[in-house]
Amino acid sequence: MKPWPVQDAKARFSELLETCLKQGPQLVTKRGEETAVLVSIAEWRRLKGAPTRTLKELLLTDEGRGDLKMPPRGRHRRRPVPRFD
């Protein structure tokens, strides 16, 4: 993805739009910093249509959140916590 300086994006918007439709999202920079991305309407709808869940919904769901690989417990147990009386 070739970055488009904002001046070029403004002056050659039709070309920027065609490139976006043919090659995918296009990055627009302002003073050398990444500022915006131009995406096709199909890509925008796909991104907007993605279901988003709240943290509460994610934590309360019955679905698995991934496989946790737990290493086998070694022979050694934890050291006792020092007590200060």
PDB file of N, CA and C in Angstrom:
ATOM      1  N   MET A   1       0.863  -1.171   0.000  1.00  0.00           N
ATOM      2  CA  MET A   1       0.000   0.000   0.000  1.00  0.00           C
ATOM      3  C   MET A   1       0.905   1.229   0.000  1.00  0.00           C
ATOM      4  N   LYS A   2       0.780   2.007  -1.041  1.00  0.00           N
ATOM      5  CA  LYS A   2       1.574   3.226  -1.186  1.00  0.00           C
ATOM      6  C   LYS A   2       0.893   4.364  -0.411  1.00  0.00           C
ATOM      7  N   PRO A   3       1.612   5.036   0.463  1.00  0.00           N
ATOM      8  CA  PRO A   3       0.982   6.159   1.171  1.00  0.00           C
ATOM      9  C   PRO A   3       0.769   7.345   0.230  1.00  0.00           C
ATOM     10  N   TRP A   4      -0.336   8.009   0.410  1.00  0.00           N
ATOM     11  CA  TRP A   4      -0.675   9.186  -0.382  1.00  0.00           C
ATOM     12  C   TRP A   4      -0.567  10.425   0.507  1.00  0.00           C
ATOM     13  N   PRO A   5       0.351  11.337   0.209  1.00  0.00           N
ATOM     14  CA  PRO A   5       0.346  12.608   0.944  1.00  0.00           C
ATOM     15  C   PRO A   5      -0.984  13.322   0.706  1.00  0.00           C
ATOM     16  N   VAL A   6      -1.468  14.029   1.688  1.00  0.00           N
ATOM     17  CA  VAL A   6      -2.798  14.637   1.602  1.00  0.00           C
ATOM     18  C   VAL A   6      -2.912  15.554   0.379  1.00  0.00           C
ATOM     19  N   GLN A   7      -1.838  16.260   0.009  1.00  0.00           N
ATOM     20  CA  GLN A   7      -1.896  17.141  -1.157  1.00  0.00           C
ATOM     21  C   GLN A   7      -2.160  16.320  -2.422  1.00  0.00           C
ATOM     22  N   ASP A   8      -1.480  15.179  -2.567  1.00  0.00           N
ATOM     23  CA  ASP A   8      -1.703  14.317  -3.728  1.00  0.00           C
ATOM     24  C   ASP A   8      -3.098  13.700  -3.685  1.00  0.00           C
ATOM     25  N   ALA A   9      -3.544  13.302  -2.503  1.00  0.00           N
ATOM     26  CA  ALA A   9      -4.869  12.703  -2.360  1.00  0.00           C
ATOM     27  C   ALA A   9      -5.952  13.681  -2.791  1.00  0.00           C
ATOM     28  N   LYS A  10      -5.778  14.951  -2.434  1.00  0.00           N
ATOM     29  CA  LYS A  10      -6.751  15.977  -2.819  1.00  0.00           C
ATOM     30  C   LYS A  10      -6.695  16.251  -4.321  1.00  0.00           C
ATOM     31  N   ALA A  11      -5.492  16.382  -4.851  1.00  0.00           N
ATOM     32  CA  ALA A  11      -5.331  16.734  -6.256  1.00  0.00           C
ATOM     33  C   ALA A  11      -5.714  15.580  -7.184  1.00  0.00           C
ATOM     34  N   ARG A  12      -5.520  14.332  -6.730  1.00  0.00           N
ATOM     35  CA  ARG A  12      -5.754  13.164  -7.587  1.00  0.00           C
ATOM     36  C   ARG A  12      -6.756  12.207  -6.938  1.00  0.00           C
ATOM     37  N   PHE A  13      -7.844  12.781  -6.416  1.00  0.00           N
ATOM     38  CA  PHE A  13      -8.806  11.973  -5.674  1.00  0.00           C
ATOM     39  C   PHE A  13      -9.406  10.849  -6.520  1.00  0.00           C
ATOM     40  N   SER A  14      -9.717  11.126  -7.775  1.00  0.00           N
ATOM     41  CA  SER A  14     -10.296  10.088  -8.639  1.00  0.00           C
ATOM     42  C   SER A  14      -9.344   8.907  -8.772  1.00  0.00           C
ATOM     43  N   GLU A  15      -8.046   9.193  -8.925  1.00  0.00           N
ATOM     44  CA  GLU A  15      -7.046   8.122  -9.014  1.00  0.00           C
ATOM     45  C   GLU A  15      -6.940   7.369  -7.685  1.00  0.00           C
ATOM     46  N   LEU A  16      -6.970   8.099  -6.589  1.00  0.00           N
ATOM     47  CA  LEU A  16      -6.935   7.483  -5.263  1.00  0.00           C
ATOM     48  C   LEU A  16      -8.136   6.549  -5.085  1.00  0.00           C
ATOM     49  N   LEU A  17      -9.308   7.009  -5.503  1.00  0.00           N
ATOM     50  CA  LEU A  17     -10.518   6.209  -5.386  1.00  0.00           C
ATOM     51  C   LEU A  17     -10.436   4.948  -6.245  1.00  0.00           C
ATOM     52  N   GLU A  18      -9.989   5.072  -7.482  1.00  0.00           N
ATOM     53  CA  GLU A  18      -9.851   3.917  -8.364  1.00  0.00           C
ATOM     54  C   GLU A  18      -8.840   2.914  -7.804  1.00  0.00           C
ATOM     55  N   THR A  19      -7.728   3.415  -7.275  1.00  0.00           N
ATOM     56  CA  THR A  19      -6.710   2.538  -6.684  1.00  0.00           C
ATOM     57  C   THR A  19      -7.293   1.798  -5.493  1.00  0.00           C
ATOM     58  N   CYS A  20      -8.078   2.482  -4.701  1.00  0.00           N
ATOM     59  CA  CYS A  20      -8.727   1.866  -3.537  1.00  0.00           C
ATOM     60  C   CYS A  20      -9.648   0.729  -3.984  1.00  0.00           C
ATOM     61  N   LEU A  21     -10.426   0.966  -5.019  1.00  0.00           N
ATOM     62  CA  LEU A  21     -11.367  -0.045  -5.491  1.00  0.00           C
ATOM     63  C   LEU A  21     -10.660  -1.244  -6.102  1.00  0.00           C
ATOM     64  N   LYS A  22      -9.524  -1.011  -6.752  1.00  0.00           N
ATOM     65  CA  LYS A  22      -8.806  -2.102  -7.420  1.00  0.00           C
ATOM     66  C   LYS A  22      -7.817  -2.821  -6.509  1.00  0.00           C
ATOM     67  N   GLN A  23      -7.125  -2.074  -5.644  1.00  0.00           N
ATOM     68  CA  GLN A  23      -6.031  -2.651  -4.855  1.00  0.00           C
ATOM     69  C   GLN A  23      -6.336  -2.782  -3.373  1.00  0.00           C
ATOM     70  N   GLY A  24      -7.399  -2.167  -2.914  1.00  0.00           N
ATOM     71  CA  GLY A  24      -7.727  -2.243  -1.495  1.00  0.00           C
ATOM     72  C   GLY A  24      -7.472  -0.926  -0.778  1.00  0.00           C
ATOM     73  N   PRO A  25      -7.545  -0.929   0.545  1.00  0.00           N
ATOM     74  CA  PRO A  25      -7.413   0.295   1.338  1.00  0.00           C
ATOM     75  C   PRO A  25      -6.158   1.096   0.997  1.00  0.00           C
ATOM     76  N   GLN A  26      -6.307   2.431   1.016  1.00  0.00           N
ATOM     77  CA  GLN A  26      -5.211   3.338   0.700  1.00  0.00           C
ATOM     78  C   GLN A  26      -4.964   4.271   1.887  1.00  0.00           C
ATOM     79  N   LEU A  27      -3.713   4.431   2.230  1.00  0.00           N
ATOM     80  CA  LEU A  27      -3.292   5.223   3.376  1.00  0.00           C
ATOM     81  C   LEU A  27      -3.028   6.666   2.961  1.00  0.00           C
ATOM     82  N   VAL A  28      -3.566   7.614   3.719  1.00  0.00           N
ATOM     83  CA  VAL A  28      -3.339   9.037   3.472  1.00  0.00           C
ATOM     84  C   VAL A  28      -2.501   9.579   4.625  1.00  0.00           C
ATOM     85  N   THR A  29      -1.445  10.320   4.276  1.00  0.00           N
ATOM     86  CA  THR A  29      -0.563  10.889   5.301  1.00  0.00           C
ATOM     87  C   THR A  29      -0.657  12.406   5.284  1.00  0.00           C
ATOM     88  N   LYS A  30      -0.415  12.989   6.442  1.00  0.00           N
ATOM     89  CA  LYS A  30      -0.389  14.446   6.580  1.00  0.00           C
ATOM     90  C   LYS A  30       0.896  14.799   7.314  1.00  0.00           C
ATOM     91  N   ARG A  31       1.728  15.560   6.666  1.00  0.00           N
ATOM     92  CA  ARG A  31       3.045  15.920   7.205  1.00  0.00           C
ATOM     93  C   ARG A  31       3.854  14.675   7.578  1.00  0.00           C
ATOM     94  N   GLY A  32       3.712  13.631   6.772  1.00  0.00           N
ATOM     95  CA  GLY A  32       4.478  12.407   6.987  1.00  0.00           C
ATOM     96  C   GLY A  32       3.894  11.434   7.997  1.00  0.00           C
ATOM     97  N   GLU A  33       2.825  11.808   8.665  1.00  0.00           N
ATOM     98  CA  GLU A  33       2.200  10.936   9.659  1.00  0.00           C
ATOM     99  C   GLU A  33       0.957  10.276   9.083  1.00  0.00           C
ATOM    100  N   GLU A  34       0.771   8.986   9.367  1.00  0.00           N
ATOM    101  CA  GLU A  34      -0.417   8.267   8.922  1.00  0.00           C
ATOM    102  C   GLU A  34      -1.648   8.913   9.550  1.00  0.00           C
ATOM    103  N   THR A  35      -2.594   9.329   8.707  1.00  0.00           N
ATOM    104  CA  THR A  35      -3.728  10.097   9.187  1.00  0.00           C
ATOM    105  C   THR A  35      -5.067   9.423   8.939  1.00  0.00           C
ATOM    106  N   ALA A  36      -5.231   8.853   7.741  1.00  0.00           N
ATOM    107  CA  ALA A  36      -6.527   8.282   7.383  1.00  0.00           C
ATOM    108  C   ALA A  36      -6.334   7.139   6.399  1.00  0.00           C
ATOM    109  N   VAL A  37      -7.403   6.358   6.233  1.00  0.00           N
ATOM    110  CA  VAL A  37      -7.398   5.258   5.273  1.00  0.00           C
ATOM    111  C   VAL A  37      -8.682   5.347   4.472  1.00  0.00           C
ATOM    112  N   LEU A  38      -8.553   5.239   3.156  1.00  0.00           N
ATOM    113  CA  LEU A  38      -9.714   5.200   2.279  1.00  0.00           C
ATOM    114  C   LEU A  38      -9.998   3.732   1.972  1.00  0.00           C
ATOM    115  N   VAL A  39     -11.238   3.293   2.264  1.00  0.00           N
ATOM    116  CA  VAL A  39     -11.634   1.910   2.006  1.00  0.00           C
ATOM    117  C   VAL A  39     -12.892   1.911   1.142  1.00  0.00           C
ATOM    118  N   SER A  40     -13.101   0.811   0.439  1.00  0.00           N
ATOM    119  CA  SER A  40     -14.307   0.680  -0.374  1.00  0.00           C
ATOM    120  C   SER A  40     -15.525   0.548   0.534  1.00  0.00           C
ATOM    121  N   ILE A  41     -16.693   0.802  -0.031  1.00  0.00           N
ATOM    122  CA  ILE A  41     -17.921   0.700   0.760  1.00  0.00           C
ATOM    123  C   ILE A  41     -18.160  -0.739   1.212  1.00  0.00           C
ATOM    124  N   ALA A  42     -17.771  -1.706   0.381  1.00  0.00           N
ATOM    125  CA  ALA A  42     -17.940  -3.111   0.767  1.00  0.00           C
ATOM    126  C   ALA A  42     -17.083  -3.443   1.996  1.00  0.00           C
ATOM    127  N   GLU A  43     -15.840  -2.969   1.981  1.00  0.00           N
ATOM    128  CA  GLU A  43     -14.954  -3.188   3.131  1.00  0.00           C
ATOM    129  C   GLU A  43     -15.484  -2.472   4.364  1.00  0.00           C
ATOM    130  N   TRP A  44     -15.973  -1.257   4.191  1.00  0.00           N
ATOM    131  CA  TRP A  44     -16.527  -0.487   5.306  1.00  0.00           C
ATOM    132  C   TRP A  44     -17.727  -1.212   5.923  1.00  0.00           C
ATOM    133  N   ARG A  45     -18.619  -1.705   5.079  1.00  0.00           N
ATOM    134  CA  ARG A  45     -19.794  -2.418   5.597  1.00  0.00           C
ATOM    135  C   ARG A  45     -19.379  -3.702   6.303  1.00  0.00           C
ATOM    136  N   ARG A  46     -18.368  -4.385   5.762  1.00  0.00           N
ATOM    137  CA  ARG A  46     -17.879  -5.606   6.413  1.00  0.00           C
ATOM    138  C   ARG A  46     -17.333  -5.279   7.802  1.00  0.00           C
ATOM    139  N   LEU A  47     -16.568  -4.185   7.889  1.00  0.00           N
ATOM    140  CA  LEU A  47     -15.993  -3.804   9.177  1.00  0.00           C
ATOM    141  C   LEU A  47     -17.060  -3.319  10.148  1.00  0.00           C
ATOM    142  N   LYS A  48     -18.007  -2.555   9.665  1.00  0.00           N
ATOM    143  CA  LYS A  48     -19.072  -2.037  10.533  1.00  0.00           C
ATOM    144  C   LYS A  48     -20.039  -3.133  10.950  1.00  0.00           C
ATOM    145  N   GLY A  49     -20.213  -4.144  10.097  1.00  0.00           N
ATOM    146  CA  GLY A  49     -21.154  -5.213  10.389  1.00  0.00           C
ATOM    147  C   GLY A  49     -20.606  -6.260  11.330  1.00  0.00           C
ATOM    148  N   ALA A  50     -19.310  -6.200  11.602  1.00  0.00           N
ATOM    149  CA  ALA A  50     -18.715  -7.186  12.500  1.00  0.00           C
ATOM    150  C   ALA A  50     -19.332  -7.024  13.885  1.00  0.00           C
ATOM    151  N   PRO A  51     -19.851  -8.111  14.432  1.00  0.00           N
ATOM    152  CA  PRO A  51     -20.475  -7.985  15.748  1.00  0.00           C
ATOM    153  C   PRO A  51     -19.440  -7.626  16.813  1.00  0.00           C
ATOM    154  N   THR A  52     -19.794  -6.657  17.586  1.00  0.00           N
ATOM    155  CA  THR A  52     -18.914  -6.279  18.685  1.00  0.00           C
ATOM    156  C   THR A  52     -19.600  -6.625  19.990  1.00  0.00           C
ATOM    157  N   ARG A  53     -18.844  -7.162  20.889  1.00  0.00           N
ATOM    158  CA  ARG A  53     -19.386  -7.537  22.190  1.00  0.00           C
ATOM    159  C   ARG A  53     -18.761  -6.671  23.264  1.00  0.00           C
ATOM    160  N   THR A  54     -19.518  -6.469  24.291  1.00  0.00           N
ATOM    161  CA  THR A  54     -18.967  -5.759  25.435  1.00  0.00           C
ATOM    162  C   THR A  54     -18.107  -6.733  26.231  1.00  0.00           C
ATOM    163  N   LEU A  55     -17.285  -6.213  27.095  1.00  0.00           N
ATOM    164  CA  LEU A  55     -16.460  -7.061  27.947  1.00  0.00           C
ATOM    165  C   LEU A  55     -17.336  -7.966  28.800  1.00  0.00           C
ATOM    166  N   LYS A  56     -18.424  -7.431  29.294  1.00  0.00           N
ATOM    167  CA  LYS A  56     -19.332  -8.226  30.115  1.00  0.00           C
ATOM    168  C   LYS A  56     -19.879  -9.406  29.325  1.00  0.00           C
ATOM    169  N   GLU A  57     -20.290  -9.172  28.072  1.00  0.00           N
ATOM    170  CA  GLU A  57     -20.819 -10.251  27.243  1.00  0.00           C
ATOM    171  C   GLU A  57     -19.751 -11.311  26.976  1.00  0.00           C
ATOM    172  N   LEU A  58     -18.530 -10.878  26.730  1.00  0.00           N
ATOM    173  CA  LEU A  58     -17.447 -11.820  26.487  1.00  0.00           C
ATOM    174  C   LEU A  58     -17.167 -12.691  27.710  1.00  0.00           C
ATOM    175  N   LEU A  59     -17.189 -12.082  28.890  1.00  0.00           N
ATOM    176  CA  LEU A  59     -16.895 -12.831  30.110  1.00  0.00           C
ATOM    177  C   LEU A  59     -18.023 -13.783  30.493  1.00  0.00           C
ATOM    178  N   LEU A  60     -19.255 -13.436  30.144  1.00  0.00           N
ATOM    179  CA  LEU A  60     -20.391 -14.263  30.534  1.00  0.00           C
ATOM    180  C   LEU A  60     -20.754 -15.329  29.502  1.00  0.00           C
ATOM    181  N   THR A  61     -20.101 -15.326  28.360  1.00  0.00           N
ATOM    182  CA  THR A  61     -20.437 -16.294  27.320  1.00  0.00           C
ATOM    183  C   THR A  61     -19.975 -17.699  27.682  1.00  0.00           C
ATOM    184  N   ASP A  62     -20.666 -18.697  27.128  1.00  0.00           N
ATOM    185  CA  ASP A  62     -20.296 -20.088  27.348  1.00  0.00           C
ATOM    186  C   ASP A  62     -19.226 -20.555  26.376  1.00  0.00           C
ATOM    187  N   GLU A  63     -18.958 -19.752  25.358  1.00  0.00           N
ATOM    188  CA  GLU A  63     -17.964 -20.133  24.354  1.00  0.00           C
ATOM    189  C   GLU A  63     -16.570 -20.144  24.967  1.00  0.00           C
ATOM    190  N   GLY A  64     -15.740 -21.016  24.432  1.00  0.00           N
ATOM    191  CA  GLY A  64     -14.356 -21.050  24.879  1.00  0.00           C
ATOM    192  C   GLY A  64     -13.616 -19.801  24.411  1.00  0.00           C
ATOM    193  N   ARG A  65     -12.714 -19.328  25.212  1.00  0.00           N
ATOM    194  CA  ARG A  65     -11.954 -18.131  24.868  1.00  0.00           C
ATOM    195  C   ARG A  65     -10.573 -18.484  24.341  1.00  0.00           C
ATOM    196  N   GLY A  66     -10.306 -19.759  24.154  1.00  0.00           N
ATOM    197  CA  GLY A  66      -9.002 -20.190  23.677  1.00  0.00           C
ATOM    198  C   GLY A  66      -8.476 -21.314  24.535  1.00  0.00           C
ATOM    199  N   ASP A  67      -7.505 -21.984  24.005  1.00  0.00           N
ATOM    200  CA  ASP A  67      -6.894 -23.085  24.748  1.00  0.00           C
ATOM    201  C   ASP A  67      -5.704 -22.566  25.533  1.00  0.00           C
ATOM    202  N   LEU A  68      -5.748 -22.754  26.819  1.00  0.00           N
ATOM    203  CA  LEU A  68      -4.629 -22.367  27.664  1.00  0.00           C
ATOM    204  C   LEU A  68      -3.722 -23.565  27.845  1.00  0.00           C
ATOM    205  N   LYS A  69      -2.494 -23.399  27.500  1.00  0.00           N
ATOM    206  CA  LYS A  69      -1.519 -24.468  27.671  1.00  0.00           C
ATOM    207  C   LYS A  69      -0.848 -24.279  29.024  1.00  0.00           C
ATOM    208  N   MET A  70      -1.212 -25.118  29.964  1.00  0.00           N
ATOM    209  CA  MET A  70      -0.646 -25.024  31.305  1.00  0.00           C
ATOM    210  C   MET A  70       0.543 -25.959  31.398  1.00  0.00           C
ATOM    211  N   PRO A  71       1.690 -25.454  31.805  1.00  0.00           N
ATOM    212  CA  PRO A  71       2.844 -26.342  31.944  1.00  0.00           C
ATOM    213  C   PRO A  71       2.624 -27.290  33.120  1.00  0.00           C
ATOM    214  N   PRO A  72       3.208 -28.472  33.049  1.00  0.00           N
ATOM    215  CA  PRO A  72       3.038 -29.407  34.172  1.00  0.00           C
ATOM    216  C   PRO A  72       3.676 -28.836  35.423  1.00  0.00           C
ATOM    217  N   ARG A  73       3.050 -29.118  36.549  1.00  0.00           N
ATOM    218  CA  ARG A  73       3.572 -28.625  37.817  1.00  0.00           C
ATOM    219  C   ARG A  73       4.814 -29.425  38.184  1.00  0.00           C
ATOM    220  N   GLY A  74       5.820 -28.738  38.606  1.00  0.00           N
ATOM    221  CA  GLY A  74       7.076 -29.379  38.975  1.00  0.00           C
ATOM    222  C   GLY A  74       7.010 -30.041  40.333  1.00  0.00           C
ATOM    223  N   ARG A  75       8.117 -30.640  40.717  1.00  0.00           N
ATOM    224  CA  ARG A  75       8.185 -31.314  42.010  1.00  0.00           C
ATOM    225  C   ARG A  75       8.155 -30.316  43.150  1.00  0.00           C
ATOM    226  N   HIS A  76       8.685 -29.165  42.905  1.00  0.00           N
ATOM    227  CA  HIS A  76       8.824 -28.176  43.977  1.00  0.00           C
ATOM    228  C   HIS A  76       7.523 -27.433  44.199  1.00  0.00           C
ATOM    229  N   ARG A  77       7.237 -27.223  45.431  1.00  0.00           N
ATOM    230  CA  ARG A  77       6.053 -26.443  45.780  1.00  0.00           C
ATOM    231  C   ARG A  77       6.485 -25.006  46.006  1.00  0.00           C
ATOM    232  N   ARG A  78       5.518 -24.161  46.162  1.00  0.00           N
ATOM    233  CA  ARG A  78       5.821 -22.753  46.425  1.00  0.00           C
ATOM    234  C   ARG A  78       6.517 -22.596  47.760  1.00  0.00           C
ATOM    235  N   ARG A  79       7.327 -21.577  47.799  1.00  0.00           N
ATOM    236  CA  ARG A  79       7.967 -21.271  49.078  1.00  0.00           C
ATOM    237  C   ARG A  79       6.925 -20.698  50.030  1.00  0.00           C
ATOM    238  N   PRO A  80       7.046 -20.987  51.306  1.00  0.00           N
ATOM    239  CA  PRO A  80       6.080 -20.425  52.260  1.00  0.00           C
ATOM    240  C   PRO A  80       6.246 -18.913  52.334  1.00  0.00           C
ATOM    241  N   VAL A  81       5.139 -18.262  52.523  1.00  0.00           N
ATOM    242  CA  VAL A  81       5.146 -16.801  52.635  1.00  0.00           C
ATOM    243  C   VAL A  81       5.644 -16.439  54.020  1.00  0.00           C
ATOM    244  N   PRO A  82       6.644 -15.551  54.121  1.00  0.00           N
ATOM    245  CA  PRO A  82       7.138 -15.187  55.448  1.00  0.00           C
ATOM    246  C   PRO A  82       6.065 -14.451  56.236  1.00  0.00           C
ATOM    247  N   ARG A  83       6.013 -14.731  57.522  1.00  0.00           N
ATOM    248  CA  ARG A  83       5.021 -14.084  58.397  1.00  0.00           C
ATOM    249  C   ARG A  83       5.773 -13.128  59.303  1.00  0.00           C
ATOM    250  N   PHE A  84       5.225 -11.968  59.393  1.00  0.00           N
ATOM    251  CA  PHE A  84       5.807 -10.951  60.272  1.00  0.00           C
ATOM    252  C   PHE A  84       4.811 -10.682  61.386  1.00  0.00           C
ATOM    253  N   ASP A  85       5.191 -11.032  62.603  1.00  0.00           N
ATOM    254  CA  ASP A  85       4.290 -10.832  63.742  1.00  0.00           C
ATOM    255  C   ASP A  85       4.649  -9.601  64.519  1.00  0.00           C
TER     256      ASP A  85
END
